[in-house]
Amino acid sequence: MTDFKTLLFRAGFMNFGKLERKAICEFLLVSERTLERWLSKNVPCPRAVKMLEIRIDGKVSNHPNWSNFKICRDGYLWTPSGKRYEAEYINKIDVLQRSNRYHEAQSLSLQNEITHLRNLVSVRTQLKEMGQYLIAISDRFKFEEAIANFSNHKPEKLT
């Protein structure tokens, strides 16, 4: 087993050769008395060793979905593909997703409006054809009416 102090050093709990006891106790969720006992006997509990190893490896979680993800000491999240993300960027993901959904909805609305306008253009063409047909019927009706009126009011022959 690795020396407990070495694990603490590798986990980043030592500054200029001095252990940051308060930070260690907060991280391991133990009292200073327990920490002193572990340091003096070099026999920490297995859970503490595992927590330190996870911190050293930069692992995010033991869950399989997070395997090979790391968080470095500078606070960046590293993906298995080698991409690095800052915490501030990850916090903005929700805003970016909402913005994306808004733009998708706007795009869909505009597509529906375009479809509606195309339908109006199609109907306009049909109405124009119907109007021309009605004008032709009206012209025919007027012509037939004029003939009927002429037949009823025949002018006298000129002699």
N, C-alpha and C. Protein backbone atom coordinates (compact mmCIF):
# COMPACT_ATOMS: atom_id res chain seq x y z
N MET A 1 0.84 -1.18 0.00
CA MET A 1 0.00 0.00 0.00
C MET A 1 0.88 1.24 0.00
N THR A 2 0.44 2.24 -0.75
CA THR A 2 1.16 3.50 -0.82
C THR A 2 1.03 4.22 0.52
N ASP A 3 2.08 4.93 0.87
CA ASP A 3 2.07 5.72 2.10
C ASP A 3 0.92 6.73 2.05
N PHE A 4 0.18 6.89 3.15
CA PHE A 4 -0.98 7.77 3.21
C PHE A 4 -0.60 9.22 2.92
N LYS A 5 0.56 9.67 3.45
CA LYS A 5 1.00 11.04 3.19
C LYS A 5 1.29 11.25 1.71
N THR A 6 1.82 10.22 1.06
CA THR A 6 2.10 10.31 -0.38
C THR A 6 0.79 10.47 -1.16
N LEU A 7 -0.23 9.72 -0.75
CA LEU A 7 -1.54 9.85 -1.39
C LEU A 7 -2.10 11.26 -1.21
N LEU A 8 -1.95 11.79 0.00
CA LEU A 8 -2.43 13.14 0.26
C LEU A 8 -1.68 14.16 -0.58
N PHE A 9 -0.38 13.97 -0.74
CA PHE A 9 0.44 14.87 -1.56
C PHE A 9 -0.02 14.80 -3.02
N ARG A 10 -0.16 13.58 -3.54
CA ARG A 10 -0.56 13.39 -4.93
C ARG A 10 -1.97 13.91 -5.20
N ALA A 11 -2.81 13.91 -4.17
CA ALA A 11 -4.18 14.42 -4.31
C ALA A 11 -4.22 15.94 -4.21
N GLY A 12 -3.09 16.58 -3.94
CA GLY A 12 -3.03 18.03 -3.92
C GLY A 12 -3.33 18.67 -2.58
N PHE A 13 -3.14 17.92 -1.50
CA PHE A 13 -3.43 18.46 -0.17
C PHE A 13 -2.18 18.88 0.59
N MET A 14 -1.11 19.14 -0.12
CA MET A 14 0.12 19.56 0.55
C MET A 14 0.67 20.78 -0.18
N ASN A 15 0.88 21.84 0.56
CA ASN A 15 1.46 23.06 0.01
C ASN A 15 2.78 23.35 0.72
N PHE A 16 3.84 23.43 -0.05
CA PHE A 16 5.16 23.72 0.48
C PHE A 16 5.53 22.79 1.62
N GLY A 17 5.23 21.52 1.45
CA GLY A 17 5.59 20.50 2.44
C GLY A 17 4.68 20.43 3.65
N LYS A 18 3.64 21.23 3.67
CA LYS A 18 2.75 21.24 4.83
C LYS A 18 1.37 20.74 4.40
N LEU A 19 0.82 19.81 5.18
CA LEU A 19 -0.50 19.26 4.89
C LEU A 19 -1.59 20.28 5.21
N GLU A 20 -2.57 20.37 4.35
CA GLU A 20 -3.72 21.22 4.60
C GLU A 20 -4.77 20.39 5.31
N ARG A 21 -4.64 20.28 6.60
CA ARG A 21 -5.45 19.36 7.40
C ARG A 21 -6.96 19.67 7.31
N LYS A 22 -7.31 20.93 7.34
CA LYS A 22 -8.73 21.28 7.30
C LYS A 22 -9.36 20.85 5.98
N ALA A 23 -8.66 21.11 4.89
CA ALA A 23 -9.16 20.73 3.57
C ALA A 23 -9.28 19.21 3.44
N ILE A 24 -8.31 18.50 4.00
CA ILE A 24 -8.33 17.03 3.96
C ILE A 24 -9.55 16.51 4.72
N CYS A 25 -9.78 17.04 5.91
CA CYS A 25 -10.92 16.60 6.73
C CYS A 25 -12.25 16.89 6.02
N GLU A 26 -12.36 18.04 5.39
CA GLU A 26 -13.58 18.37 4.66
C GLU A 26 -13.79 17.43 3.48
N PHE A 27 -12.70 17.12 2.77
CA PHE A 27 -12.81 16.24 1.60
C PHE A 27 -13.16 14.81 2.00
N LEU A 28 -12.50 14.31 3.04
CA LEU A 28 -12.72 12.92 3.46
C LEU A 28 -13.89 12.77 4.43
N LEU A 29 -14.47 13.89 4.84
CA LEU A 29 -15.61 13.89 5.77
C LEU A 29 -15.26 13.18 7.08
N VAL A 30 -14.11 13.58 7.65
CA VAL A 30 -13.68 13.01 8.93
C VAL A 30 -13.25 14.14 9.86
N SER A 31 -13.08 13.79 11.13
CA SER A 31 -12.62 14.78 12.11
C SER A 31 -11.09 14.87 12.04
N GLU A 32 -10.54 15.93 12.63
CA GLU A 32 -9.08 16.07 12.66
C GLU A 32 -8.45 14.96 13.51
N ARG A 33 -9.15 14.52 14.51
CA ARG A 33 -8.64 13.44 15.36
C ARG A 33 -8.49 12.15 14.55
N THR A 34 -9.49 11.84 13.71
CA THR A 34 -9.41 10.64 12.86
C THR A 34 -8.25 10.78 11.88
N LEU A 35 -8.11 11.96 11.28
CA LEU A 35 -7.02 12.20 10.34
C LEU A 35 -5.67 11.99 11.02
N GLU A 36 -5.52 12.52 12.24
CA GLU A 36 -4.26 12.35 12.98
C GLU A 36 -3.96 10.87 13.22
N ARG A 37 -4.99 10.11 13.57
CA ARG A 37 -4.80 8.68 13.80
C ARG A 37 -4.34 7.99 12.52
N TRP A 38 -4.95 8.31 11.40
CA TRP A 38 -4.57 7.70 10.11
C TRP A 38 -3.13 8.06 9.74
N LEU A 39 -2.77 9.33 9.99
CA LEU A 39 -1.41 9.76 9.66
C LEU A 39 -0.37 9.09 10.56
N SER A 40 -0.67 9.00 11.85
CA SER A 40 0.31 8.43 12.78
C SER A 40 0.51 6.93 12.57
N LYS A 41 -0.57 6.22 12.26
CA LYS A 41 -0.47 4.76 12.10
C LYS A 41 -0.32 4.36 10.64
N ASN A 42 -0.51 5.33 9.70
CA ASN A 42 -0.45 5.07 8.26
C ASN A 42 -1.45 3.98 7.87
N VAL A 43 -2.64 4.02 8.51
CA VAL A 43 -3.68 3.03 8.22
C VAL A 43 -5.02 3.77 8.07
N PRO A 44 -5.22 4.41 6.92
CA PRO A 44 -6.51 5.06 6.71
C PRO A 44 -7.56 4.01 6.33
N CYS A 45 -8.82 4.39 6.41
CA CYS A 45 -9.87 3.45 6.01
C CYS A 45 -9.86 3.32 4.48
N PRO A 46 -10.29 2.18 3.97
CA PRO A 46 -10.28 1.96 2.52
C PRO A 46 -11.09 3.00 1.74
N ARG A 47 -12.17 3.48 2.33
CA ARG A 47 -12.97 4.50 1.65
C ARG A 47 -12.16 5.76 1.42
N ALA A 48 -11.37 6.18 2.39
CA ALA A 48 -10.55 7.38 2.26
C ALA A 48 -9.50 7.19 1.17
N VAL A 49 -8.89 6.01 1.15
CA VAL A 49 -7.88 5.72 0.12
C VAL A 49 -8.53 5.80 -1.25
N LYS A 50 -9.73 5.20 -1.39
CA LYS A 50 -10.44 5.19 -2.67
C LYS A 50 -10.79 6.61 -3.10
N MET A 51 -11.25 7.43 -2.15
CA MET A 51 -11.59 8.81 -2.47
C MET A 51 -10.36 9.59 -2.94
N LEU A 52 -9.25 9.36 -2.29
CA LEU A 52 -8.01 10.05 -2.71
C LEU A 52 -7.56 9.58 -4.08
N GLU A 53 -7.66 8.28 -4.33
CA GLU A 53 -7.27 7.75 -5.65
C GLU A 53 -8.15 8.32 -6.75
N ILE A 54 -9.44 8.44 -6.46
CA ILE A 54 -10.36 9.03 -7.44
C ILE A 54 -9.97 10.48 -7.72
N ARG A 55 -9.63 11.20 -6.65
CA ARG A 55 -9.21 12.60 -6.83
C ARG A 55 -7.90 12.67 -7.62
N ILE A 56 -6.98 11.80 -7.32
CA ILE A 56 -5.69 11.79 -8.03
C ILE A 56 -5.90 11.50 -9.51
N ASP A 57 -6.76 10.52 -9.79
CA ASP A 57 -7.02 10.14 -11.19
C ASP A 57 -7.90 11.15 -11.91
N GLY A 58 -8.51 12.05 -11.13
CA GLY A 58 -9.39 13.05 -11.73
C GLY A 58 -10.71 12.49 -12.20
N LYS A 59 -11.09 11.33 -11.70
CA LYS A 59 -12.35 10.72 -12.12
C LYS A 59 -13.52 11.55 -11.64
N VAL A 60 -14.56 11.57 -12.46
CA VAL A 60 -15.76 12.31 -12.14
C VAL A 60 -16.66 11.47 -11.25
N SER A 61 -16.82 10.21 -11.62
CA SER A 61 -17.74 9.33 -10.92
C SER A 61 -17.35 7.89 -11.20
N ASN A 62 -17.87 6.99 -10.40
CA ASN A 62 -17.65 5.57 -10.66
C ASN A 62 -18.73 4.99 -11.57
N HIS A 63 -19.69 5.80 -11.93
CA HIS A 63 -20.77 5.34 -12.81
C HIS A 63 -20.20 5.05 -14.20
N PRO A 64 -20.64 3.96 -14.84
CA PRO A 64 -20.08 3.59 -16.16
C PRO A 64 -20.25 4.66 -17.24
N ASN A 65 -21.30 5.47 -17.16
CA ASN A 65 -21.48 6.51 -18.18
C ASN A 65 -20.38 7.58 -18.12
N TRP A 66 -19.71 7.68 -16.98
CA TRP A 66 -18.67 8.69 -16.81
C TRP A 66 -17.26 8.10 -16.89
N SER A 67 -17.15 6.87 -17.30
CA SER A 67 -15.82 6.26 -17.36
C SER A 67 -14.95 7.05 -18.34
N ASN A 68 -13.72 7.22 -17.99
CA ASN A 68 -12.70 7.94 -18.78
C ASN A 68 -12.91 9.45 -18.84
N PHE A 69 -13.90 9.98 -18.14
CA PHE A 69 -14.00 11.43 -17.99
C PHE A 69 -13.11 11.83 -16.82
N LYS A 70 -12.45 12.95 -16.93
CA LYS A 70 -11.55 13.41 -15.87
C LYS A 70 -11.79 14.88 -15.58
N ILE A 71 -11.49 15.27 -14.33
CA ILE A 71 -11.47 16.68 -13.96
C ILE A 71 -10.07 16.96 -13.46
N CYS A 72 -9.38 17.84 -14.17
CA CYS A 72 -8.01 18.14 -13.77
C CYS A 72 -8.00 19.13 -12.61
N ARG A 73 -6.83 19.37 -12.06
CA ARG A 73 -6.71 20.26 -10.91
C ARG A 73 -7.07 21.70 -11.23
N ASP A 74 -7.02 22.04 -12.54
CA ASP A 74 -7.39 23.39 -12.96
C ASP A 74 -8.90 23.54 -13.10
N GLY A 75 -9.64 22.45 -12.87
CA GLY A 75 -11.10 22.50 -12.89
C GLY A 75 -11.73 22.24 -14.24
N TYR A 76 -10.96 21.77 -15.22
CA TYR A 76 -11.51 21.47 -16.54
C TYR A 76 -12.04 20.04 -16.58
N LEU A 77 -13.14 19.85 -17.28
CA LEU A 77 -13.67 18.51 -17.52
C LEU A 77 -13.08 18.03 -18.84
N TRP A 78 -12.41 16.88 -18.79
CA TRP A 78 -11.81 16.29 -19.99
C TRP A 78 -12.63 15.08 -20.40
N THR A 79 -13.01 15.05 -21.67
CA THR A 79 -13.80 13.93 -22.17
C THR A 79 -12.87 12.82 -22.64
N PRO A 80 -13.41 11.62 -22.84
CA PRO A 80 -12.56 10.53 -23.33
C PRO A 80 -11.93 10.83 -24.70
N SER A 81 -12.58 11.70 -25.49
CA SER A 81 -12.03 12.04 -26.80
C SER A 81 -10.98 13.15 -26.72
N GLY A 82 -10.72 13.66 -25.51
CA GLY A 82 -9.67 14.66 -25.32
C GLY A 82 -10.14 16.10 -25.38
N LYS A 83 -11.45 16.33 -25.41
CA LYS A 83 -11.96 17.70 -25.41
C LYS A 83 -12.03 18.23 -23.99
N ARG A 84 -11.76 19.52 -23.84
CA ARG A 84 -11.72 20.15 -22.53
C ARG A 84 -12.84 21.17 -22.42
N TYR A 85 -13.55 21.14 -21.29
CA TYR A 85 -14.65 22.07 -21.06
C TYR A 85 -14.47 22.76 -19.71
N GLU A 86 -14.72 24.06 -19.71
CA GLU A 86 -14.68 24.82 -18.47
C GLU A 86 -16.03 24.72 -17.78
N ALA A 87 -16.03 24.87 -16.48
CA ALA A 87 -17.27 24.78 -15.71
C ALA A 87 -18.26 25.85 -16.17
N GLU A 88 -17.77 27.04 -16.51
CA GLU A 88 -18.65 28.12 -16.96
C GLU A 88 -19.39 27.74 -18.23
N TYR A 89 -18.68 27.05 -19.13
CA TYR A 89 -19.31 26.61 -20.38
C TYR A 89 -20.39 25.57 -20.09
N ILE A 90 -20.09 24.65 -19.21
CA ILE A 90 -21.06 23.60 -18.88
C ILE A 90 -22.31 24.23 -18.25
N ASN A 91 -22.12 25.27 -17.44
CA ASN A 91 -23.26 25.97 -16.85
C ASN A 91 -24.13 26.63 -17.91
N LYS A 92 -23.54 26.99 -19.05
CA LYS A 92 -24.28 27.67 -20.12
C LYS A 92 -25.01 26.69 -21.04
N ILE A 93 -24.78 25.40 -20.89
CA ILE A 93 -25.40 24.42 -21.78
C ILE A 93 -26.92 24.53 -21.74
N ASP A 94 -27.49 24.72 -20.56
CA ASP A 94 -28.94 24.83 -20.45
C ASP A 94 -29.45 26.01 -21.26
N VAL A 95 -28.78 27.15 -21.15
CA VAL A 95 -29.17 28.35 -21.90
C VAL A 95 -29.04 28.08 -23.40
N LEU A 96 -27.95 27.43 -23.79
CA LEU A 96 -27.74 27.12 -25.20
C LEU A 96 -28.83 26.18 -25.73
N GLN A 97 -29.21 25.19 -24.93
CA GLN A 97 -30.26 24.27 -25.36
C GLN A 97 -31.60 24.99 -25.50
N ARG A 98 -31.94 25.86 -24.55
CA ARG A 98 -33.19 26.61 -24.63
C ARG A 98 -33.19 27.53 -25.85
N SER A 99 -32.05 28.17 -26.10
CA SER A 99 -31.92 29.05 -27.26
C SER A 99 -32.09 28.24 -28.54
N ASN A 100 -31.49 27.07 -28.58
CA ASN A 100 -31.60 26.22 -29.76
C ASN A 100 -33.05 25.79 -29.99
N ARG A 101 -33.74 25.40 -28.91
CA ARG A 101 -35.15 25.02 -29.04
C ARG A 101 -35.99 26.19 -29.54
N TYR A 102 -35.71 27.40 -29.05
CA TYR A 102 -36.43 28.59 -29.49
C TYR A 102 -36.23 28.81 -30.99
N HIS A 103 -34.98 28.72 -31.44
CA HIS A 103 -34.68 28.93 -32.86
C HIS A 103 -35.30 27.84 -33.73
N GLU A 104 -35.33 26.61 -33.23
CA GLU A 104 -35.98 25.53 -33.97
C GLU A 104 -37.48 25.80 -34.10
N ALA A 105 -38.10 26.29 -33.03
CA ALA A 105 -39.53 26.61 -33.07
C ALA A 105 -39.79 27.76 -34.04
N GLN A 106 -38.92 28.77 -34.02
CA GLN A 106 -39.05 29.89 -34.95
C GLN A 106 -38.94 29.41 -36.39
N SER A 107 -37.98 28.54 -36.63
CA SER A 107 -37.77 27.99 -37.97
C SER A 107 -39.00 27.23 -38.43
N LEU A 108 -39.57 26.41 -37.57
CA LEU A 108 -40.77 25.65 -37.89
C LEU A 108 -41.94 26.59 -38.18
N SER A 109 -42.07 27.63 -37.38
CA SER A 109 -43.13 28.61 -37.59
C SER A 109 -42.98 29.29 -38.95
N LEU A 110 -41.77 29.67 -39.30
CA LEU A 110 -41.53 30.31 -40.60
C LEU A 110 -41.78 29.34 -41.75
N GLN A 111 -41.42 28.08 -41.57
CA GLN A 111 -41.70 27.08 -42.61
C GLN A 111 -43.20 26.93 -42.81
N ASN A 112 -43.95 26.92 -41.71
CA ASN A 112 -45.41 26.83 -41.81
C ASN A 112 -45.99 28.06 -42.51
N GLU A 113 -45.44 29.22 -42.22
CA GLU A 113 -45.90 30.45 -42.86
C GLU A 113 -45.61 30.42 -44.36
N ILE A 114 -44.45 29.91 -44.74
CA ILE A 114 -44.10 29.78 -46.16
C ILE A 114 -45.07 28.84 -46.86
N THR A 115 -45.39 27.72 -46.21
CA THR A 115 -46.35 26.78 -46.78
C THR A 115 -47.70 27.45 -46.97
N HIS A 116 -48.13 28.22 -45.97
CA HIS A 116 -49.40 28.93 -46.05
C HIS A 116 -49.38 29.92 -47.22
N LEU A 117 -48.29 30.66 -47.38
CA LEU A 117 -48.19 31.63 -48.47
C LEU A 117 -48.21 30.93 -49.83
N ARG A 118 -47.57 29.79 -49.94
CA ARG A 118 -47.61 29.02 -51.20
C ARG A 118 -49.04 28.60 -51.51
N ASN A 119 -49.77 28.18 -50.46
CA ASN A 119 -51.17 27.81 -50.66
C ASN A 119 -51.99 29.01 -51.12
N LEU A 120 -51.71 30.19 -50.56
CA LEU A 120 -52.42 31.40 -50.99
C LEU A 120 -52.14 31.72 -52.44
N VAL A 121 -50.89 31.56 -52.86
CA VAL A 121 -50.54 31.82 -54.26
C VAL A 121 -51.29 30.85 -55.16
N SER A 122 -51.37 29.60 -54.75
CA SER A 122 -52.09 28.60 -55.53
C SER A 122 -53.57 28.96 -55.62
N VAL A 123 -54.18 29.35 -54.51
CA VAL A 123 -55.58 29.74 -54.49
C VAL A 123 -55.79 30.99 -55.33
N ARG A 124 -54.85 31.92 -55.28
CA ARG A 124 -54.94 33.15 -56.07
C ARG A 124 -55.03 32.83 -57.55
N THR A 125 -54.21 31.88 -57.99
CA THR A 125 -54.22 31.48 -59.39
C THR A 125 -55.58 30.87 -59.74
N GLN A 126 -56.10 30.03 -58.87
CA GLN A 126 -57.41 29.42 -59.12
C GLN A 126 -58.51 30.48 -59.14
N LEU A 127 -58.46 31.44 -58.21
CA LEU A 127 -59.46 32.51 -58.19
C LEU A 127 -59.39 33.36 -59.45
N LYS A 128 -58.20 33.59 -59.96
CA LYS A 128 -58.03 34.37 -61.20
C LYS A 128 -58.69 33.63 -62.36
N GLU A 129 -58.47 32.32 -62.44
CA GLU A 129 -59.08 31.52 -63.50
C GLU A 129 -60.61 31.53 -63.36
N MET A 130 -61.10 31.41 -62.12
CA MET A 130 -62.55 31.44 -61.89
C MET A 130 -63.12 32.80 -62.29
N GLY A 131 -62.42 33.87 -61.98
CA GLY A 131 -62.87 35.21 -62.34
C GLY A 131 -62.97 35.37 -63.85
N GLN A 132 -61.97 34.88 -64.56
CA GLN A 132 -62.00 34.96 -66.02
C GLN A 132 -63.19 34.16 -66.58
N TYR A 133 -63.43 33.01 -65.98
CA TYR A 133 -64.56 32.18 -66.41
C TYR A 133 -65.89 32.90 -66.17
N LEU A 134 -66.02 33.54 -64.99
CA LEU A 134 -67.25 34.28 -64.68
C LEU A 134 -67.44 35.47 -65.61
N ILE A 135 -66.35 36.13 -65.96
CA ILE A 135 -66.44 37.24 -66.90
C ILE A 135 -66.93 36.74 -68.25
N ALA A 136 -66.41 35.60 -68.69
CA ALA A 136 -66.84 35.02 -69.97
C ALA A 136 -68.32 34.67 -69.93
N ILE A 137 -68.78 34.08 -68.81
CA ILE A 137 -70.20 33.75 -68.67
C ILE A 137 -71.03 35.02 -68.71
N SER A 138 -70.56 36.04 -68.00
CA SER A 138 -71.27 37.32 -67.94
C SER A 138 -71.36 37.94 -69.33
N ASP A 139 -70.26 37.89 -70.06
CA ASP A 139 -70.25 38.46 -71.42
C ASP A 139 -71.25 37.72 -72.31
N ARG A 140 -71.27 36.38 -72.20
CA ARG A 140 -72.21 35.59 -72.99
C ARG A 140 -73.66 35.92 -72.61
N PHE A 141 -73.89 36.09 -71.30
CA PHE A 141 -75.23 36.40 -70.82
C PHE A 141 -75.67 37.76 -71.36
N LYS A 142 -74.78 38.76 -71.34
CA LYS A 142 -75.11 40.09 -71.85
C LYS A 142 -75.39 40.05 -73.35
N PHE A 143 -74.60 39.25 -74.07
CA PHE A 143 -74.80 39.14 -75.51
C PHE A 143 -76.17 38.53 -75.81
N GLU A 144 -76.54 37.48 -75.09
CA GLU A 144 -77.83 36.84 -75.29
C GLU A 144 -78.96 37.79 -74.90
N GLU A 145 -78.76 38.58 -73.85
CA GLU A 145 -79.76 39.56 -73.43
C GLU A 145 -79.92 40.64 -74.48
N ALA A 146 -78.81 41.06 -75.05
CA ALA A 146 -78.86 42.10 -76.10
C ALA A 146 -79.63 41.58 -77.32
N ILE A 147 -79.42 40.34 -77.70
CA ILE A 147 -80.13 39.76 -78.84
C ILE A 147 -81.63 39.69 -78.54
N ALA A 148 -81.95 39.27 -77.32
CA ALA A 148 -83.36 39.18 -76.93
C ALA A 148 -84.02 40.55 -76.97
N ASN A 149 -83.34 41.58 -76.46
CA ASN A 149 -83.88 42.94 -76.48
C ASN A 149 -84.05 43.44 -77.91
N PHE A 150 -83.11 43.12 -78.74
CA PHE A 150 -83.16 43.56 -80.13
C PHE A 150 -84.34 42.91 -80.84
N SER A 151 -84.55 41.62 -80.55
CA SER A 151 -85.65 40.91 -81.20
C SER A 151 -86.99 41.48 -80.78
N ASN A 152 -87.12 41.89 -79.55
CA ASN A 152 -88.38 42.45 -79.05
C ASN A 152 -88.62 43.84 -79.58
N HIS A 153 -87.61 44.60 -79.86
CA HIS A 153 -87.76 46.00 -80.30
C HIS A 153 -87.17 46.15 -81.68
N LYS A 154 -87.75 45.49 -82.63
CA LYS A 154 -87.23 45.58 -83.99
C LYS A 154 -87.53 46.99 -84.52
N PRO A 155 -86.52 47.63 -85.08
CA PRO A 155 -86.77 48.95 -85.65
C PRO A 155 -87.58 48.81 -86.95
N GLU A 156 -88.32 49.85 -87.27
CA GLU A 156 -89.11 49.85 -88.49
C GLU A 156 -88.17 49.97 -89.67
N LYS A 157 -88.61 49.37 -90.74
CA LYS A 157 -87.80 49.42 -91.97
C LYS A 157 -87.86 50.80 -92.55
N LEU A 158 -86.77 51.22 -93.06
CA LEU A 158 -86.71 52.52 -93.70
C LEU A 158 -87.14 52.35 -95.16
N THR A 159 -87.98 53.21 -95.64
CA THR A 159 -88.40 53.12 -97.03
C THR A 159 -87.86 54.22 -97.86
